[in-house]
Amino acid sequence: MLTENEIGKLRNAIVATIASPVIGSIEDYAWEAIFHYVKDIPLSDPALGRSKLLYDAVDMKTKSGWSLKSLQLNNIKPGNTFFFVIQRADVIKKAIQLGFPSLTEGSSPQELGAAIIQHWNEKIIASKSAQSVVCSYEGILLKTIRGREYLYCEYPLEPLEANNFSWAWTVDRITGKDGVGLQGSVSGKVELVWYKNQKQLFRGRTIPPDAVTTNIERVRLQPDRYVETILTALQEQVSDYPSENNP
């Protein structure tokens, strides 16, 4: 989790980001940039290209990697469970590659589930190797719609044990037949949901009691003041580091 110093940096970064009149909400690369600042990890320019590997932030000193997500929820109280996309998993198309040559959408839920977990585990293992990650985590920033409450959750991220899961299709409320969602449960609790139409895999997480909570006043700069402030800061940076290829 975050240290006391990092918690302070997280709050300051959220306040500074929300103050920008050109940013509506903290998501995607904005959250990645904040996290790099909090952890004091070098941040690359997204215009140079972004990796499709699992870890959005890697601390090479500690060999720690984080898969980062930013989600908006109605309720971010500890104990609540939420679901989010972790991967596009077209296991039917990759059936042979995954070691399930006879797999179809009509295969048993348990066989489909085993292929889904194999697909996800290969992503973790390959990314850990490619990005030199030893300590693996999910770093999730939860926020409410008004943008005043934020909560940071961190979870270990390791390959899943397929034998721990039981799988079943959801039931269509209208027809009573199998639905489009395949649910993977552990001890009766739904942990994974795979939708055969979109081929998307969702993971369920429960907000832990030690999650870091931050409440802020949403104050935003006027556009003219924001632009003037940024241009002044850019000029100062060019003066301080003339050898860098700054605009």
Protein backbone atom coordinates (compact mmCIF):
# COMPACT_ATOMS: atom_id res chain seq x y z
CA MET A 1 0.00 0.00 0.00
CA LEU A 2 0.96 3.66 0.12
CA THR A 3 3.25 5.23 2.70
CA GLU A 4 2.15 8.35 4.60
CA ASN A 5 4.29 10.48 2.30
CA GLU A 6 2.76 8.84 -0.78
CA ILE A 7 -0.76 9.39 0.56
CA GLY A 8 0.00 13.10 0.84
CA LYS A 9 1.39 13.16 -2.69
CA LEU A 10 -1.70 11.34 -3.97
CA ARG A 11 -4.02 13.92 -2.46
CA ASN A 12 -1.98 16.84 -3.81
CA ALA A 13 -1.83 15.30 -7.27
CA ILE A 14 -5.59 14.75 -7.34
CA VAL A 15 -6.23 18.36 -6.29
CA ALA A 16 -3.78 19.65 -8.93
CA THR A 17 -5.24 17.44 -11.68
CA ILE A 18 -8.86 18.36 -10.96
CA ALA A 19 -7.85 22.04 -10.95
CA SER A 20 -7.14 21.79 -14.68
CA PRO A 21 -10.13 23.10 -16.68
CA VAL A 22 -9.20 20.83 -19.61
CA ILE A 23 -9.59 17.61 -17.60
CA GLY A 24 -13.07 16.46 -16.68
CA SER A 25 -12.21 13.38 -14.65
CA ILE A 26 -9.19 11.37 -13.56
CA GLU A 27 -8.99 8.33 -15.79
CA ASP A 28 -6.68 6.37 -18.10
CA TYR A 29 -3.34 8.16 -18.62
CA ALA A 30 -4.16 10.90 -16.09
CA TRP A 31 -4.31 8.24 -13.36
CA GLU A 32 -1.13 6.61 -14.64
CA ALA A 33 0.67 9.97 -14.52
CA ILE A 34 -0.53 10.62 -10.97
CA PHE A 35 0.61 7.18 -9.85
CA HIS A 36 4.08 7.66 -11.36
CA TYR A 37 4.34 10.94 -9.46
CA VAL A 38 3.21 9.34 -6.20
CA LYS A 39 5.73 6.49 -6.52
CA ASP A 40 8.49 8.72 -7.96
CA ILE A 41 8.79 6.58 -11.10
CA PRO A 42 9.99 8.16 -14.38
CA LEU A 43 7.06 8.93 -16.68
CA SER A 44 7.29 8.63 -20.45
CA ASP A 45 5.46 10.77 -22.99
CA PRO A 46 2.42 8.79 -24.31
CA ALA A 47 3.09 10.23 -27.78
CA LEU A 48 6.14 7.95 -27.91
CA GLY A 49 3.83 4.92 -27.77
CA ARG A 50 2.17 2.96 -25.01
CA SER A 51 2.78 -0.68 -24.21
CA LYS A 52 0.02 -3.27 -24.37
CA LEU A 53 1.69 -5.20 -21.59
CA LEU A 54 -0.11 -5.66 -18.29
CA TYR A 55 1.81 -3.29 -16.01
CA ASP A 56 1.15 0.43 -16.48
CA ALA A 57 3.78 1.39 -13.90
CA VAL A 58 7.00 -0.43 -13.02
CA ASP A 59 9.48 0.51 -10.32
CA MET A 60 12.74 -0.99 -11.56
CA LYS A 61 14.42 -0.47 -8.18
CA THR A 62 11.97 -2.69 -6.30
CA LYS A 63 10.89 -4.83 -9.30
CA SER A 64 7.30 -3.87 -8.49
CA GLY A 65 4.63 -3.53 -11.17
CA TRP A 66 1.09 -2.18 -11.05
CA SER A 67 -1.82 -2.68 -13.42
CA LEU A 68 -3.69 0.60 -12.99
CA LYS A 69 -7.43 1.20 -13.24
CA SER A 70 -9.62 4.23 -12.53
CA LEU A 71 -13.33 3.61 -11.97
CA GLN A 72 -16.36 5.73 -11.16
CA LEU A 73 -18.84 4.15 -8.74
CA ASN A 74 -21.96 5.25 -6.91
CA ASN A 75 -20.71 3.85 -3.63
CA ILE A 76 -17.04 3.51 -2.64
CA LYS A 77 -17.51 2.33 0.92
CA PRO A 78 -15.24 -0.48 2.24
CA GLY A 79 -16.91 -3.87 1.90
CA ASN A 80 -18.62 -3.12 -1.40
CA THR A 81 -17.80 -5.27 -4.43
CA PHE A 82 -17.21 -3.84 -7.91
CA PHE A 83 -16.42 -5.33 -11.31
CA PHE A 84 -14.13 -4.01 -14.03
CA VAL A 85 -12.66 -5.18 -17.34
CA ILE A 86 -9.24 -6.81 -17.04
CA GLN A 87 -8.82 -8.27 -20.51
CA ARG A 88 -10.34 -8.93 -23.89
CA ALA A 89 -10.37 -12.72 -23.89
CA ASP A 90 -11.36 -14.29 -27.21
CA VAL A 91 -10.67 -17.81 -25.99
CA ILE A 92 -12.61 -19.40 -28.86
CA LYS A 93 -10.34 -17.81 -31.45
CA LYS A 94 -7.25 -18.77 -29.45
CA ALA A 95 -8.49 -22.21 -28.41
CA ILE A 96 -5.66 -24.20 -30.03
CA GLN A 97 -3.00 -21.81 -28.76
CA LEU A 98 -4.39 -22.15 -25.23
CA GLY A 99 -4.42 -25.95 -25.38
CA PHE A 100 -8.18 -26.40 -25.86
CA PRO A 101 -8.45 -27.43 -29.57
CA SER A 102 -12.10 -28.53 -29.42
CA LEU A 103 -13.36 -25.48 -27.50
CA THR A 104 -16.56 -23.79 -28.74
CA GLU A 105 -19.20 -21.52 -27.21
CA GLY A 106 -21.18 -24.68 -26.61
CA SER A 107 -18.46 -26.29 -24.52
CA SER A 108 -19.10 -26.93 -20.85
CA PRO A 109 -18.84 -23.92 -18.53
CA GLN A 110 -15.94 -25.56 -16.67
CA GLU A 111 -13.93 -26.10 -19.87
CA LEU A 112 -14.59 -22.55 -21.04
CA GLY A 113 -13.63 -21.26 -17.61
CA ALA A 114 -10.37 -23.19 -17.63
CA ALA A 115 -9.49 -21.64 -21.00
CA ILE A 116 -10.38 -18.17 -19.73
CA ILE A 117 -8.11 -18.54 -16.71
CA GLN A 118 -5.33 -19.95 -18.89
CA HIS A 119 -5.65 -16.91 -21.17
CA TRP A 120 -5.45 -14.49 -18.23
CA ASN A 121 -2.59 -16.33 -16.52
CA GLU A 122 -0.51 -16.27 -19.69
CA LYS A 123 -0.94 -12.49 -19.82
CA ILE A 124 0.34 -12.13 -16.24
CA ILE A 125 3.28 -14.50 -16.71
CA ALA A 126 4.36 -13.01 -20.05
CA SER A 127 4.13 -9.41 -18.78
CA LYS A 128 6.01 -10.18 -15.56
CA SER A 129 8.84 -11.63 -17.63
CA ALA A 130 8.89 -8.88 -20.27
CA GLN A 131 8.70 -6.04 -17.72
CA SER A 132 11.01 -7.62 -15.12
CA VAL A 133 8.32 -7.57 -12.44
CA VAL A 134 8.63 -9.66 -9.27
CA CYS A 135 6.06 -7.98 -6.98
CA SER A 136 2.77 -7.73 -8.87
CA TYR A 137 -0.25 -5.57 -7.97
CA GLU A 138 -3.46 -3.94 -9.15
CA GLY A 139 -3.66 -0.25 -8.23
CA ILE A 140 -7.23 1.02 -8.50
CA LEU A 141 -8.47 4.57 -7.99
CA LEU A 142 -12.19 4.70 -7.23
CA LYS A 143 -14.13 7.96 -7.44
CA THR A 144 -17.69 9.23 -7.15
CA ILE A 145 -19.50 11.10 -9.93
CA ARG A 146 -19.10 14.53 -8.29
CA GLY A 147 -15.34 14.13 -8.18
CA ARG A 148 -14.89 14.96 -4.50
CA GLU A 149 -14.37 11.50 -2.99
CA TYR A 150 -11.48 9.25 -3.99
CA LEU A 151 -10.34 5.90 -2.71
CA TYR A 152 -7.19 3.94 -3.55
CA CYS A 153 -7.21 0.13 -3.38
CA GLU A 154 -4.27 -2.18 -3.94
CA TYR A 155 -4.45 -5.93 -4.52
CA PRO A 156 -1.86 -8.66 -5.16
CA LEU A 157 -1.97 -9.74 -8.80
CA GLU A 158 -0.84 -13.30 -9.43
CA PRO A 159 -1.91 -16.18 -11.72
CA LEU A 160 -5.20 -17.80 -10.72
CA GLU A 161 -5.71 -21.42 -9.73
CA ALA A 162 -8.25 -22.88 -12.16
CA ASN A 163 -9.27 -25.70 -9.80
CA ASN A 164 -10.57 -23.16 -7.26
CA PHE A 165 -13.27 -21.92 -9.65
CA SER A 166 -16.72 -23.25 -10.45
CA TRP A 167 -18.41 -21.89 -13.58
CA ALA A 168 -22.02 -21.37 -14.66
CA TRP A 169 -23.89 -19.29 -17.21
CA THR A 170 -26.08 -16.48 -16.03
CA VAL A 171 -29.81 -16.96 -16.61
CA ASP A 172 -31.76 -14.75 -19.02
CA ARG A 173 -34.60 -13.22 -16.97
CA ILE A 174 -36.97 -13.15 -19.94
CA THR A 175 -36.37 -16.53 -21.60
CA GLY A 176 -35.09 -18.44 -18.59
CA LYS A 177 -32.32 -19.86 -20.77
CA ASP A 178 -28.57 -19.47 -20.44
CA GLY A 179 -27.46 -15.85 -20.57
CA VAL A 180 -24.42 -14.34 -22.25
CA GLY A 181 -22.34 -14.06 -19.07
CA LEU A 182 -20.21 -16.92 -17.77
CA GLN A 183 -19.53 -16.52 -14.05
CA GLY A 184 -16.54 -18.00 -12.26
CA SER A 185 -17.05 -18.35 -8.50
CA VAL A 186 -14.80 -19.24 -5.58
CA SER A 187 -16.57 -20.53 -2.45
CA GLY A 188 -19.87 -19.22 -3.82
CA LYS A 189 -18.59 -15.70 -4.52
CA VAL A 190 -18.42 -14.47 -8.13
CA GLU A 191 -14.82 -13.50 -8.94
CA LEU A 192 -14.80 -13.46 -12.76
CA VAL A 193 -17.42 -12.81 -15.45
CA TRP A 194 -16.82 -13.47 -19.15
CA TYR A 195 -19.24 -12.19 -21.79
CA LYS A 196 -19.23 -14.32 -24.93
CA ASN A 197 -20.60 -11.54 -27.17
CA GLN A 198 -17.94 -8.91 -26.43
CA LYS A 199 -15.30 -11.48 -25.37
CA GLN A 200 -14.53 -9.30 -22.34
CA LEU A 201 -13.37 -10.63 -19.00
CA PHE A 202 -14.43 -8.79 -15.83
CA ARG A 203 -12.93 -9.22 -12.37
CA GLY A 204 -14.69 -8.64 -9.08
CA ARG A 205 -12.93 -6.94 -6.19
CA THR A 206 -14.10 -6.01 -2.71
CA ILE A 207 -13.06 -2.65 -1.28
CA PRO A 208 -10.77 -3.44 1.68
CA PRO A 209 -11.05 -1.72 5.07
CA ASP A 210 -7.52 -0.31 4.73
CA ALA A 211 -8.23 1.47 1.44
CA VAL A 212 -6.84 5.01 1.29
CA THR A 213 -9.65 7.58 1.30
CA THR A 214 -9.21 11.18 0.12
CA ASN A 215 -11.87 13.89 0.12
CA ILE A 216 -11.15 17.16 -1.68
CA GLU A 217 -12.75 20.47 -2.49
CA ARG A 218 -13.23 20.57 -6.25
CA VAL A 219 -11.65 23.91 -7.20
CA ARG A 220 -10.85 24.55 -10.88
CA LEU A 221 -8.68 27.24 -12.41
CA GLN A 222 -10.09 29.68 -14.94
CA PRO A 223 -8.90 28.68 -18.45
CA ASP A 224 -6.88 31.88 -19.04
CA ARG A 225 -5.07 31.56 -15.71
CA TYR A 226 -4.42 27.88 -16.32
CA VAL A 227 -2.86 28.49 -19.76
CA GLU A 228 -0.74 31.38 -18.48
CA THR A 229 0.49 29.30 -15.53
CA ILE A 230 1.42 26.33 -17.69
CA LEU A 231 3.23 28.47 -20.29
CA THR A 232 5.23 30.18 -17.54
CA ALA A 233 6.18 26.80 -16.07
CA LEU A 234 7.24 25.55 -19.52
CA GLN A 235 9.46 28.59 -20.07
CA GLU A 236 11.08 28.05 -16.68
CA GLN A 237 11.67 24.37 -17.43
CA VAL A 238 13.32 25.17 -20.77
CA SER A 239 15.57 27.67 -18.99
CA ASP A 240 16.47 25.16 -16.27
CA TYR A 241 17.16 22.31 -18.69
CA PRO A 242 18.31 23.91 -21.98
CA SER A 243 19.85 20.68 -23.24
CA GLU A 244 16.52 18.87 -23.28
CA ASN A 245 14.46 18.89 -26.46
CA ASN A 246 11.66 20.99 -24.98
CA PRO A 247 9.23 23.04 -27.11
